[in-house]
Amino acid sequence: MRRGTAAGREEGGGTGVAPEPAPRAAPELGADSRAVLHEVLGLAAGEIDALFDAGVVFHIPDASLHRLAPDDIG
């Protein structure tokens, strides 16, 4: 049996290069989440969408929305 990259490809092996990850769809933000991002970070709706398109992820638990204040962002 032959060894090496060429042999691996001939035998159904991989190329050793990972495939590009599939783009993720931006999650749907509720009105409360958008309001928090707007109020706390001063972002407009288009800016929020652009950040999601760029892959930025925000984690805002719904239970803590009422406690989030501008001072919480450091």
Protein backbone atom coordinates (compact mmCIF):
# COMPACT_ATOMS: atom_id res chain seq x y z
CA MET A 1 0.00 0.00 0.00
CA ARG A 2 1.30 3.46 -0.88
CA ARG A 3 1.53 6.14 1.77
CA GLY A 4 1.34 9.90 1.58
CA THR A 5 -1.08 12.61 0.65
CA ALA A 6 -1.63 11.49 -2.93
CA ALA A 7 -2.39 7.94 -1.80
CA GLY A 8 -4.80 9.23 0.81
CA ARG A 9 -6.72 11.17 -1.80
CA GLU A 10 -6.80 8.17 -4.10
CA GLU A 11 -8.16 6.03 -1.30
CA GLY A 12 -10.92 8.49 -0.43
CA GLY A 13 -9.01 10.33 2.29
CA GLY A 14 -9.32 14.04 2.92
CA THR A 15 -7.14 16.80 1.56
CA GLY A 16 -6.02 17.95 5.00
CA VAL A 17 -7.72 21.31 4.49
CA ALA A 18 -10.74 22.10 6.63
CA PRO A 19 -13.79 23.31 4.69
CA GLU A 20 -14.94 26.89 5.15
CA PRO A 21 -17.65 27.14 7.82
CA ALA A 22 -21.12 27.90 6.53
CA PRO A 23 -22.24 31.48 7.23
CA ARG A 24 -24.56 31.79 10.20
CA ALA A 25 -27.84 33.57 9.89
CA ALA A 26 -28.24 36.50 12.23
CA PRO A 27 -30.53 35.58 15.11
CA GLU A 28 -33.81 37.37 15.37
CA LEU A 29 -33.64 40.01 18.05
CA GLY A 30 -36.70 40.84 20.06
CA ALA A 31 -37.76 44.43 20.59
CA ASP A 32 -36.35 44.37 24.14
CA SER A 33 -32.91 43.20 22.99
CA ARG A 34 -32.78 45.83 20.24
CA ALA A 35 -33.83 48.50 22.73
CA VAL A 36 -31.04 47.50 25.12
CA LEU A 37 -28.41 47.55 22.36
CA HIS A 38 -29.70 50.94 21.25
CA GLU A 39 -29.89 52.47 24.73
CA VAL A 40 -26.75 50.98 26.28
CA LEU A 41 -24.45 50.97 23.27
CA GLY A 42 -26.04 53.83 21.32
CA LEU A 43 -26.42 51.71 18.19
CA ALA A 44 -28.95 52.32 15.44
CA ALA A 45 -30.90 49.39 13.97
CA GLY A 46 -28.73 49.31 10.84
CA GLU A 47 -25.56 49.29 12.94
CA ILE A 48 -26.87 46.37 15.02
CA ASP A 49 -27.65 44.41 11.85
CA ALA A 50 -24.20 45.22 10.40
CA LEU A 51 -22.51 43.87 13.53
CA PHE A 52 -24.48 40.63 13.29
CA ASP A 53 -23.60 40.36 9.60
CA ALA A 54 -19.92 40.71 10.59
CA GLY A 55 -20.29 37.84 13.07
CA VAL A 56 -20.40 39.81 16.32
CA VAL A 57 -22.46 37.97 18.94
CA PHE A 58 -24.30 39.64 21.79
CA HIS A 59 -25.54 37.59 24.72
CA ILE A 60 -28.28 39.37 26.63
CA PRO A 61 -30.31 37.04 28.83
CA ASP A 62 -33.96 38.09 28.73
CA ALA A 63 -34.23 37.76 32.51
CA SER A 64 -31.56 40.42 33.04
CA LEU A 65 -32.82 43.04 30.59
CA HIS A 66 -34.48 45.04 33.32
CA ARG A 67 -31.24 45.12 35.34
CA LEU A 68 -28.89 46.14 32.50
CA ALA A 69 -27.72 49.72 32.78
CA PRO A 70 -25.07 51.73 30.90
CA ASP A 71 -22.71 51.33 33.87
CA ASP A 72 -22.79 47.53 33.32
CA ILE A 73 -20.83 47.95 30.08
CA GLY A 74 -17.13 48.33 30.93
